[in-house]
PDB file of N, CA and C in Angstrom:
ATOM      1  N   MET A   1     107.050 103.099  59.113  1.00  0.00           N
ATOM      2  CA  MET A   1     106.214 101.853  58.770  1.00  0.00           C
ATOM      3  C   MET A   1     107.202 100.612  58.527  1.00  0.00           C
ATOM      4  N   ALA A   2     107.223  99.548  59.406  1.00  0.00           N
ATOM      5  CA  ALA A   2     107.818  98.395  59.301  1.00  0.00           C
ATOM      6  C   ALA A   2     107.406  98.057  57.920  1.00  0.00           C
ATOM      7  N   LYS A   3     108.678  97.119  57.160  1.00  0.00           N
ATOM      8  CA  LYS A   3     108.147  96.189  56.178  1.00  0.00           C
ATOM      9  C   LYS A   3     107.451  95.153  56.518  1.00  0.00           C
ATOM     10  N   GLU A   4     106.783  94.423  55.745  1.00  0.00           N
ATOM     11  CA  GLU A   4     106.133  93.101  56.401  1.00  0.00           C
ATOM     12  C   GLU A   4     107.098  92.197  56.140  1.00  0.00           C
ATOM     13  N   SER A   5     108.052  92.067  55.788  1.00  0.00           N
ATOM     14  CA  SER A   5     109.044  91.098  55.714  1.00  0.00           C
ATOM     15  C   SER A   5     109.724  91.071  57.324  1.00  0.00           C
ATOM     16  N   MET A   6     109.797  92.396  57.653  1.00  0.00           N
ATOM     17  CA  MET A   6     110.636  92.538  59.108  1.00  0.00           C
ATOM     18  C   MET A   6     109.559  92.037  60.139  1.00  0.00           C
ATOM     19  N   LYS A   7     108.335  92.253  60.057  1.00  0.00           N
ATOM     20  CA  LYS A   7     107.306  92.259  60.962  1.00  0.00           C
ATOM     21  C   LYS A   7     107.315  90.387  60.817  1.00  0.00           C
ATOM     22  N   ALA A   8     107.207  89.921  59.711  1.00  0.00           N
ATOM     23  CA  ALA A   8     107.326  88.261  59.622  1.00  0.00           C
ATOM     24  C   ALA A   8     108.324  87.698  60.389  1.00  0.00           C
ATOM     25  N   LYS A   9     109.585  88.279  60.277  1.00  0.00           N
ATOM     26  CA  LYS A   9     110.815  87.863  60.656  1.00  0.00           C
ATOM     27  C   LYS A   9     110.699  87.683  62.429  1.00  0.00           C
ATOM     28  N   GLU A  10     110.097  88.981  63.085  1.00  0.00           N
ATOM     29  CA  GLU A  10     109.955  88.900  64.186  1.00  0.00           C
ATOM     30  C   GLU A  10     109.080  87.797  64.820  1.00  0.00           C
ATOM     31  N   ARG A  11     107.813  87.589  64.214  1.00  0.00           N
ATOM     32  CA  ARG A  11     106.957  86.658  64.619  1.00  0.00           C
ATOM     33  C   ARG A  11     107.691  85.301  64.298  1.00  0.00           C
ATOM     34  N   LYS A  12     108.260  84.782  63.546  1.00  0.00           N
ATOM     35  CA  LYS A  12     109.255  83.829  63.434  1.00  0.00           C
ATOM     36  C   LYS A  12     110.059  83.537  64.698  1.00  0.00           C
ATOM     37  N   LYS A  13     110.755  84.520  64.777  1.00  0.00           N
ATOM     38  CA  LYS A  13     111.784  84.533  66.004  1.00  0.00           C
ATOM     39  C   LYS A  13     110.854  84.472  67.373  1.00  0.00           C
ATOM     40  N   ALA A  14     109.711  85.007  67.692  1.00  0.00           N
ATOM     41  CA  ALA A  14     108.754  84.828  68.667  1.00  0.00           C
ATOM     42  C   ALA A  14     108.391  83.248  68.849  1.00  0.00           C
ATOM     43  N   LYS A  15     108.345  82.946  67.468  1.00  0.00           N
ATOM     44  CA  LYS A  15     107.512  81.176  67.716  1.00  0.00           C
ATOM     45  C   LYS A  15     108.648  80.253  67.984  1.00  0.00           C
ATOM     46  N   LEU A  16     109.928  80.617  67.593  1.00  0.00           N
ATOM     47  CA  LEU A  16     111.170  79.677  67.854  1.00  0.00           C
ATOM     48  C   LEU A  16     111.407  79.800  69.142  1.00  0.00           C
ATOM     49  N   ALA A  17     111.321  81.115  69.798  1.00  0.00           N
ATOM     50  CA  ALA A  17     111.745  81.202  71.268  1.00  0.00           C
ATOM     51  C   ALA A  17     110.780  80.581  72.050  1.00  0.00           C
ATOM     52  N   ALA A  18     109.441  80.675  71.647  1.00  0.00           N
ATOM     53  CA  ALA A  18     108.312  79.877  72.744  1.00  0.00           C
ATOM     54  C   ALA A  18     108.739  78.416  72.558  1.00  0.00           C
ATOM     55  N   ARG A  19     108.980  77.731  71.157  1.00  0.00           N
ATOM     56  CA  ARG A  19     109.007  76.433  70.997  1.00  0.00           C
ATOM     57  C   ARG A  19     110.101  75.834  71.976  1.00  0.00           C
ATOM     58  N   TYR A  20     111.373  76.426  71.975  1.00  0.00           N
ATOM     59  CA  TYR A  20     112.735  76.088  72.369  1.00  0.00           C
ATOM     60  C   TYR A  20     112.708  76.432  73.840  1.00  0.00           C
ATOM     61  N   GLY A  21     111.938  77.483  74.259  1.00  0.00           N
ATOM     62  CA  GLY A  21     112.365  78.190  75.660  1.00  0.00           C
ATOM     63  C   GLY A  21     112.573  77.216  76.808  1.00  0.00           C
ATOM     64  N   LYS A  22     111.728  76.075  76.852  1.00  0.00           N
ATOM     65  CA  LYS A  22     111.844  75.148  77.991  1.00  0.00           C
ATOM     66  C   LYS A  22     112.931  74.122  77.732  1.00  0.00           C
ATOM     67  N   LYS A  23     113.197  73.602  76.788  1.00  0.00           N
ATOM     68  CA  LYS A  23     114.543  72.854  76.269  1.00  0.00           C
ATOM     69  C   LYS A  23     115.434  73.871  76.897  1.00  0.00           C
ATOM     70  N   ARG A  24     115.725  75.009  76.282  1.00  0.00           N
ATOM     71  CA  ARG A  24     116.957  75.706  76.435  1.00  0.00           C
ATOM     72  C   ARG A  24     117.259  76.161  77.656  1.00  0.00           C
ATOM     73  N   ALA A  25     116.129  76.317  78.794  1.00  0.00           N
ATOM     74  CA  ALA A  25     116.360  76.227  80.472  1.00  0.00           C
ATOM     75  C   ALA A  25     116.930  75.057  80.795  1.00  0.00           C
ATOM     76  N   GLU A  26     116.407  73.964  80.423  1.00  0.00           N
ATOM     77  CA  GLU A  26     116.936  72.620  80.987  1.00  0.00           C
ATOM     78  C   GLU A  26     118.321  72.340  80.664  1.00  0.00           C
ATOM     79  N   LEU A  27     118.542  72.639  79.503  1.00  0.00           N
ATOM     80  CA  LEU A  27     120.033  72.624  78.914  1.00  0.00           C
ATOM     81  C   LEU A  27     121.019  73.503  79.469  1.00  0.00           C
ATOM     82  N   ARG A  28     120.542  74.668  79.832  1.00  0.00           N
ATOM     83  CA  ARG A  28     121.462  75.725  80.615  1.00  0.00           C
ATOM     84  C   ARG A  28     121.723  75.511  81.810  1.00  0.00           C
ATOM     85  N   ALA A  29     120.496  74.847  82.497  1.00  0.00           N
ATOM     86  CA  ALA A  29     120.783  74.564  84.042  1.00  0.00           C
ATOM     87  C   ALA A  29     121.798  73.111  83.941  1.00  0.00           C
ATOM     88  N   ALA A  30     121.674  72.089  82.906  1.00  0.00           N
ATOM     89  CA  ALA A  30     122.589  71.027  82.965  1.00  0.00           C
ATOM     90  C   ALA A  30     123.892  71.472  82.494  1.00  0.00           C
ATOM     91  N   SER A  31     124.300  72.382  81.853  1.00  0.00           N
ATOM     92  CA  SER A  31     125.675  72.834  81.255  1.00  0.00           C
ATOM     93  C   SER A  31     126.039  73.715  82.543  1.00  0.00           C
ATOM     94  N   ALA A  32     125.365  74.479  83.120  1.00  0.00           N
ATOM     95  CA  ALA A  32     125.883  75.243  84.214  1.00  0.00           C
ATOM     96  C   ALA A  32     126.516  74.244  85.234  1.00  0.00           C
ATOM     97  N   LYS A  33     125.879  73.060  85.391  1.00  0.00           N
ATOM     98  CA  LYS A  33     126.594  72.052  86.407  1.00  0.00           C
ATOM     99  C   LYS A  33     127.740  71.135  85.843  1.00  0.00           C
ATOM    100  N   GLY A  34     128.258  71.721  84.609  1.00  0.00           N
ATOM    101  CA  GLY A  34     129.105  71.137  84.069  1.00  0.00           C
ATOM    102  C   GLY A  34     129.209  69.808  83.141  1.00  0.00           C
ATOM    103  N   ASP A  35     127.904  69.839  82.605  1.00  0.00           N
ATOM    104  CA  ASP A  35     127.451  68.676  81.728  1.00  0.00           C
ATOM    105  C   ASP A  35     127.843  69.159  80.444  1.00  0.00           C
ATOM    106  N   TRP A  36     128.748  68.242  79.632  1.00  0.00           N
ATOM    107  CA  TRP A  36     129.341  68.863  78.452  1.00  0.00           C
ATOM    108  C   TRP A  36     128.449  68.579  77.238  1.00  0.00           C
ATOM    109  N   ASP A  37     128.008  67.674  77.425  1.00  0.00           N
ATOM    110  CA  ASP A  37     126.733  67.043  76.258  1.00  0.00           C
ATOM    111  C   ASP A  37     125.761  68.081  76.532  1.00  0.00           C
ATOM    112  N   ALA A  38     125.079  68.534  77.479  1.00  0.00           N
ATOM    113  CA  ALA A  38     124.243  69.386  77.401  1.00  0.00           C
ATOM    114  C   ALA A  38     124.612  71.037  76.932  1.00  0.00           C
ATOM    115  N   MET A  39     126.079  71.404  77.206  1.00  0.00           N
ATOM    116  CA  MET A  39     126.404  72.400  76.500  1.00  0.00           C
ATOM    117  C   MET A  39     126.579  72.364  74.975  1.00  0.00           C
ATOM    118  N   ILE A  40     127.022  71.107  74.708  1.00  0.00           N
ATOM    119  CA  ILE A  40     127.145  71.067  72.868  1.00  0.00           C
ATOM    120  C   ILE A  40     125.560  70.976  72.361  1.00  0.00           C
ATOM    121  N   ALA A  41     124.703  70.507  73.084  1.00  0.00           N
ATOM    122  CA  ALA A  41     123.369  70.405  72.675  1.00  0.00           C
ATOM    123  C   ALA A  41     122.844  71.809  72.664  1.00  0.00           C
ATOM    124  N   LEU A  42     122.967  72.684  73.500  1.00  0.00           N
ATOM    125  CA  LEU A  42     122.595  74.107  73.598  1.00  0.00           C
ATOM    126  C   LEU A  42     123.070  74.834  72.401  1.00  0.00           C
ATOM    127  N   GLN A  43     124.582  74.261  72.164  1.00  0.00           N
ATOM    128  CA  GLN A  43     125.111  75.285  70.884  1.00  0.00           C
ATOM    129  C   GLN A  43     124.559  74.658  69.746  1.00  0.00           C
ATOM    130  N   LYS A  44     124.004  73.632  69.477  1.00  0.00           N
ATOM    131  CA  LYS A  44     123.355  73.329  68.219  1.00  0.00           C
ATOM    132  C   LYS A  44     121.809  73.720  68.235  1.00  0.00           C
ATOM    133  N   LEU A  45     121.262  74.102  69.115  1.00  0.00           N
ATOM    134  CA  LEU A  45     119.989  75.021  68.966  1.00  0.00           C
ATOM    135  C   LEU A  45     120.090  76.287  67.900  1.00  0.00           C
ATOM    136  N   PRO A  46     118.857  76.361  67.290  1.00  0.00           N
ATOM    137  CA  PRO A  46     119.020  77.680  66.353  1.00  0.00           C
ATOM    138  C   PRO A  46     119.197  78.905  67.333  1.00  0.00           C
ATOM    139  N   LYS A  47     120.113  79.879  66.889  1.00  0.00           N
ATOM    140  CA  LYS A  47     120.322  81.163  67.454  1.00  0.00           C
ATOM    141  C   LYS A  47     119.029  82.116  67.655  1.00  0.00           C
ATOM    142  N   ASN A  48     118.438  81.851  66.617  1.00  0.00           N
ATOM    143  CA  ASN A  48     116.960  82.851  66.711  1.00  0.00           C
ATOM    144  C   ASN A  48     115.900  82.140  67.809  1.00  0.00           C
ATOM    145  N   SER A  49     116.307  81.097  68.469  1.00  0.00           N
ATOM    146  CA  SER A  49     115.451  80.665  69.486  1.00  0.00           C
ATOM    147  C   SER A  49     115.739  81.255  70.478  1.00  0.00           C
ATOM    148  N   MET A  50     116.515  82.109  70.986  1.00  0.00           N
ATOM    149  CA  MET A  50     116.819  82.623  72.008  1.00  0.00           C
ATOM    150  C   MET A  50     115.989  84.112  72.133  1.00  0.00           C
ATOM    151  N   LYS A  51     115.104  84.039  73.385  1.00  0.00           N
ATOM    152  CA  LYS A  51     114.259  85.056  74.106  1.00  0.00           C
ATOM    153  C   LYS A  51     114.873  86.385  73.515  1.00  0.00           C
ATOM    154  N   ILE A  52     116.079  86.651  73.837  1.00  0.00           N
ATOM    155  CA  ILE A  52     116.690  87.987  73.736  1.00  0.00           C
ATOM    156  C   ILE A  52     116.661  88.397  72.314  1.00  0.00           C
ATOM    157  N   ARG A  53     116.692  87.733  71.531  1.00  0.00           N
ATOM    158  CA  ARG A  53     116.391  88.065  69.931  1.00  0.00           C
ATOM    159  C   ARG A  53     115.346  88.585  69.413  1.00  0.00           C
ATOM    160  N   VAL A  54     114.128  88.236  70.047  1.00  0.00           N
ATOM    161  CA  VAL A  54     112.868  88.921  69.554  1.00  0.00           C
ATOM    162  C   VAL A  54     112.944  90.356  70.354  1.00  0.00           C
ATOM    163  N   HIS A  55     112.648  91.183  69.192  1.00  0.00           N
ATOM    164  CA  HIS A  55     112.416  92.555  69.345  1.00  0.00           C
ATOM    165  C   HIS A  55     111.026  92.976  69.420  1.00  0.00           C
ATOM    166  N   ASN A  56     110.950  94.084  70.383  1.00  0.00           N
ATOM    167  CA  ASN A  56     109.646  94.570  70.444  1.00  0.00           C
ATOM    168  C   ASN A  56     109.190  95.487  69.409  1.00  0.00           C
ATOM    169  N   ARG A  57     107.943  95.496  68.960  1.00  0.00           N
ATOM    170  CA  ARG A  57     107.564  96.335  67.875  1.00  0.00           C
ATOM    171  C   ARG A  57     106.057  96.712  68.235  1.00  0.00           C
ATOM    172  N   CYS A  58     105.855  98.175  67.873  1.00  0.00           N
ATOM    173  CA  CYS A  58     104.570  98.676  67.949  1.00  0.00           C
ATOM    174  C   CYS A  58     103.561  97.540  67.161  1.00  0.00           C
ATOM    175  N   GLN A  59     102.531  97.193  67.760  1.00  0.00           N
ATOM    176  CA  GLN A  59     101.319  96.424  67.054  1.00  0.00           C
ATOM    177  C   GLN A  59     100.737  96.939  66.073  1.00  0.00           C
ATOM    178  N   LEU A  60     100.698  98.512  66.057  1.00  0.00           N
ATOM    179  CA  LEU A  60     100.162  98.910  64.859  1.00  0.00           C
ATOM    180  C   LEU A  60     100.834  99.291  63.516  1.00  0.00           C
ATOM    181  N   THR A  61     101.937 100.012  63.953  1.00  0.00           N
ATOM    182  CA  THR A  61     102.969 100.420  62.895  1.00  0.00           C
ATOM    183  C   THR A  61     103.955  99.490  62.712  1.00  0.00           C
ATOM    184  N   GLY A  62     104.644  98.593  63.586  1.00  0.00           N
ATOM    185  CA  GLY A  62     105.565  98.014  63.504  1.00  0.00           C
ATOM    186  C   GLY A  62     106.975  98.617  63.909  1.00  0.00           C
ATOM    187  N   ARG A  63     106.871  99.715  64.392  1.00  0.00           N
ATOM    188  CA  ARG A  63     107.955 100.562  64.833  1.00  0.00           C
ATOM    189  C   ARG A  63     108.910  99.871  65.940  1.00  0.00           C
ATOM    190  N   PRO A  64     110.064  99.695  65.825  1.00  0.00           N
ATOM    191  CA  PRO A  64     110.988  99.053  66.724  1.00  0.00           C
ATOM    192  C   PRO A  64     111.242 100.013  67.870  1.00  0.00           C
ATOM    193  N   ARG A  65     111.398 101.300  67.667  1.00  0.00           N
ATOM    194  CA  ARG A  65     112.032 102.133  68.474  1.00  0.00           C
ATOM    195  C   ARG A  65     110.845 102.870  69.206  1.00  0.00           C
ATOM    196  N   GLY A  66     111.400 103.062  70.603  1.00  0.00           N
ATOM    197  CA  GLY A  66     110.361 104.110  71.467  1.00  0.00           C
ATOM    198  C   GLY A  66     108.932 103.168  71.425  1.00  0.00           C
ATOM    199  N   TYR A  67     109.383 101.830  72.089  1.00  0.00           N
ATOM    200  CA  TYR A  67     108.258 100.985  72.437  1.00  0.00           C
ATOM    201  C   TYR A  67     107.614 101.055  73.787  1.00  0.00           C
ATOM    202  N   MET A  68     106.572 100.964  74.162  1.00  0.00           N
ATOM    203  CA  MET A  68     105.807 101.337  75.573  1.00  0.00           C
ATOM    204  C   MET A  68     105.233 100.145  75.918  1.00  0.00           C
ATOM    205  N   ARG A  69     106.257  99.252  76.952  1.00  0.00           N
ATOM    206  CA  ARG A  69     105.552  97.769  76.942  1.00  0.00           C
ATOM    207  C   ARG A  69     104.196  97.486  77.745  1.00  0.00           C
ATOM    208  N   GLN A  70     103.849  98.799  78.499  1.00  0.00           N
ATOM    209  CA  GLN A  70     102.470  98.683  79.329  1.00  0.00           C
ATOM    210  C   GLN A  70     101.235  98.800  78.098  1.00  0.00           C
ATOM    211  N   PHE A  71     101.451  99.646  77.031  1.00  0.00           N
ATOM    212  CA  PHE A  71     100.607  99.651  75.983  1.00  0.00           C
ATOM    213  C   PHE A  71     100.868  98.826  74.780  1.00  0.00           C
ATOM    214  N   GLY A  72     101.860  98.458  74.496  1.00  0.00           N
ATOM    215  CA  GLY A  72     102.428  97.355  73.456  1.00  0.00           C
ATOM    216  C   GLY A  72     102.269  98.219  71.989  1.00  0.00           C
ATOM    217  N   ILE A  73     102.567  99.493  72.252  1.00  0.00           N
ATOM    218  CA  ILE A  73     102.542 100.510  70.909  1.00  0.00           C
ATOM    219  C   ILE A  73     103.738 101.401  71.200  1.00  0.00           C
ATOM    220  N   SER A  74     104.145 101.894  70.037  1.00  0.00           N
ATOM    221  CA  SER A  74     105.294 103.043  70.256  1.00  0.00           C
ATOM    222  C   SER A  74     104.879 104.359  70.696  1.00  0.00           C
ATOM    223  N   ARG A  75     105.736 104.973  71.080  1.00  0.00           N
ATOM    224  CA  ARG A  75     105.469 106.286  71.710  1.00  0.00           C
ATOM    225  C   ARG A  75     104.745 107.452  70.751  1.00  0.00           C
ATOM    226  N   VAL A  76     105.338 107.206  69.477  1.00  0.00           N
ATOM    227  CA  VAL A  76     104.506 108.118  68.300  1.00  0.00           C
ATOM    228  C   VAL A  76     102.751 107.730  68.279  1.00  0.00           C
ATOM    229  N   THR A  77     102.739 106.411  68.344  1.00  0.00           N
ATOM    230  CA  THR A  77     101.337 106.068  68.134  1.00  0.00           C
ATOM    231  C   THR A  77     100.509 106.434  69.222  1.00  0.00           C
ATOM    232  N   PHE A  78     101.136 106.260  70.512  1.00  0.00           N
ATOM    233  CA  PHE A  78     100.420 106.521  71.771  1.00  0.00           C
ATOM    234  C   PHE A  78     100.227 107.953  71.866  1.00  0.00           C
ATOM    235  N   ARG A  79     101.154 108.954  71.403  1.00  0.00           N
ATOM    236  CA  ARG A  79     100.491 110.398  71.026  1.00  0.00           C
ATOM    237  C   ARG A  79      99.587 110.559  70.440  1.00  0.00           C
ATOM    238  N   GLU A  80      99.439 110.042  69.257  1.00  0.00           N
ATOM    239  CA  GLU A  80      98.401 110.277  68.181  1.00  0.00           C
ATOM    240  C   GLU A  80      96.969 109.743  68.643  1.00  0.00           C
ATOM    241  N   MET A  81      97.049 108.425  69.446  1.00  0.00           N
ATOM    242  CA  MET A  81      96.000 107.945  70.297  1.00  0.00           C
ATOM    243  C   MET A  81      95.326 108.783  71.188  1.00  0.00           C
ATOM    244  N   ALA A  82      96.418 109.334  72.039  1.00  0.00           N
ATOM    245  CA  ALA A  82      96.044 109.959  73.105  1.00  0.00           C
ATOM    246  C   ALA A  82      95.385 111.482  72.862  1.00  0.00           C
ATOM    247  N   LEU A  83      95.967 112.140  71.867  1.00  0.00           N
ATOM    248  CA  LEU A  83      95.289 113.237  71.049  1.00  0.00           C
ATOM    249  C   LEU A  83      93.861 112.938  70.568  1.00  0.00           C
ATOM    250  N   MET A  84      93.649 111.687  69.907  1.00  0.00           N
ATOM    251  CA  MET A  84      92.195 111.592  69.656  1.00  0.00           C
ATOM    252  C   MET A  84      91.365 111.194  70.613  1.00  0.00           C
ATOM    253  N   GLY A  85      91.967 111.030  71.695  1.00  0.00           N
ATOM    254  CA  GLY A  85      91.057 110.570  73.049  1.00  0.00           C
ATOM    255  C   GLY A  85      90.832 109.138  73.209  1.00  0.00           C
ATOM    256  N   LYS A  86      91.612 108.408  72.275  1.00  0.00           N
ATOM    257  CA  LYS A  86      91.599 106.811  72.228  1.00  0.00           C
ATOM    258  C   LYS A  86      91.867 105.961  73.402  1.00  0.00           C
ATOM    259  N   ILE A  87      92.593 106.481  74.084  1.00  0.00           N
ATOM    260  CA  ILE A  87      93.331 105.930  75.537  1.00  0.00           C
ATOM    261  C   ILE A  87      92.622 106.830  76.698  1.00  0.00           C
ATOM    262  N   PRO A  88      91.921 105.914  77.417  1.00  0.00           N
ATOM    263  CA  PRO A  88      91.047 106.414  78.654  1.00  0.00           C
ATOM    264  C   PRO A  88      92.150 106.793  79.634  1.00  0.00           C
ATOM    265  N   GLY A  89      91.876 107.766  80.277  1.00  0.00           N
ATOM    266  CA  GLY A  89      92.588 108.646  81.408  1.00  0.00           C
ATOM    267  C   GLY A  89      93.786 109.313  81.279  1.00  0.00           C
ATOM    268  N   ILE A  90      94.070 109.221  79.623  1.00  0.00           N
ATOM    269  CA  ILE A  90      95.397 110.052  79.302  1.00  0.00           C
ATOM    270  C   ILE A  90      94.628 111.488  79.011  1.00  0.00           C
ATOM    271  N   THR A  91      95.271 112.678  79.302  1.00  0.00           N
ATOM    272  CA  THR A  91      94.848 113.899  78.724  1.00  0.00           C
ATOM    273  C   THR A  91      95.919 114.514  78.276  1.00  0.00           C
ATOM    274  N   LYS A  92      95.688 115.536  77.109  1.00  0.00           N
ATOM    275  CA  LYS A  92      97.270 116.014  76.837  1.00  0.00           C
ATOM    276  C   LYS A  92      97.276 117.426  77.448  1.00  0.00           C
ATOM    277  N   SER A  93      98.248 117.614  78.377  1.00  0.00           N
ATOM    278  CA  SER A  93      98.319 118.717  78.925  1.00  0.00           C
ATOM    279  C   SER A  93      99.433 119.705  78.233  1.00  0.00           C
ATOM    280  N   SER A  94     100.637 119.252  78.073  1.00  0.00           N
ATOM    281  CA  SER A  94     101.599 120.027  77.413  1.00  0.00           C
ATOM    282  C   SER A  94     102.687 118.816  77.064  1.00  0.00           C
ATOM    283  N   TRP A  95     103.097 118.607  76.263  1.00  0.00           N
ATOM    284  CA  TRP A  95     104.029 117.402  75.663  1.00  0.00           C
ATOM    285  C   TRP A  95     105.342 118.211  75.367  1.00  0.00           C
TER     286      TRP A  95
END
C-alpha cells in the first residue's frame, strides 16, 4: 500500500502536467524551429509539469508496479477481484 504522501505527489504532478501541457507543446514546436526564446521559456517551466513524470498507480491500492492500463489497477488487485468475481468476463482457469 502506497503512502498517502506518495499518492499526493502523483496527483500534484498530474495537475501540473495538465495545466502546462498545451503551453509546453507550443514552446516545444517553436524551439524545434530554432526559436531560442522559446527554448529558454521551456527550460523555465517546472520539471514536474512534464507528462512523462506522472507515474501510473493502482486506483485502489496505489501500487506503482504491475499496472494494467485497461483496468486502471495493479495485477495483484486484478487477480483478487477476478477471484471474487467482481470483474465480469474473467474466469479463473489456472494462474
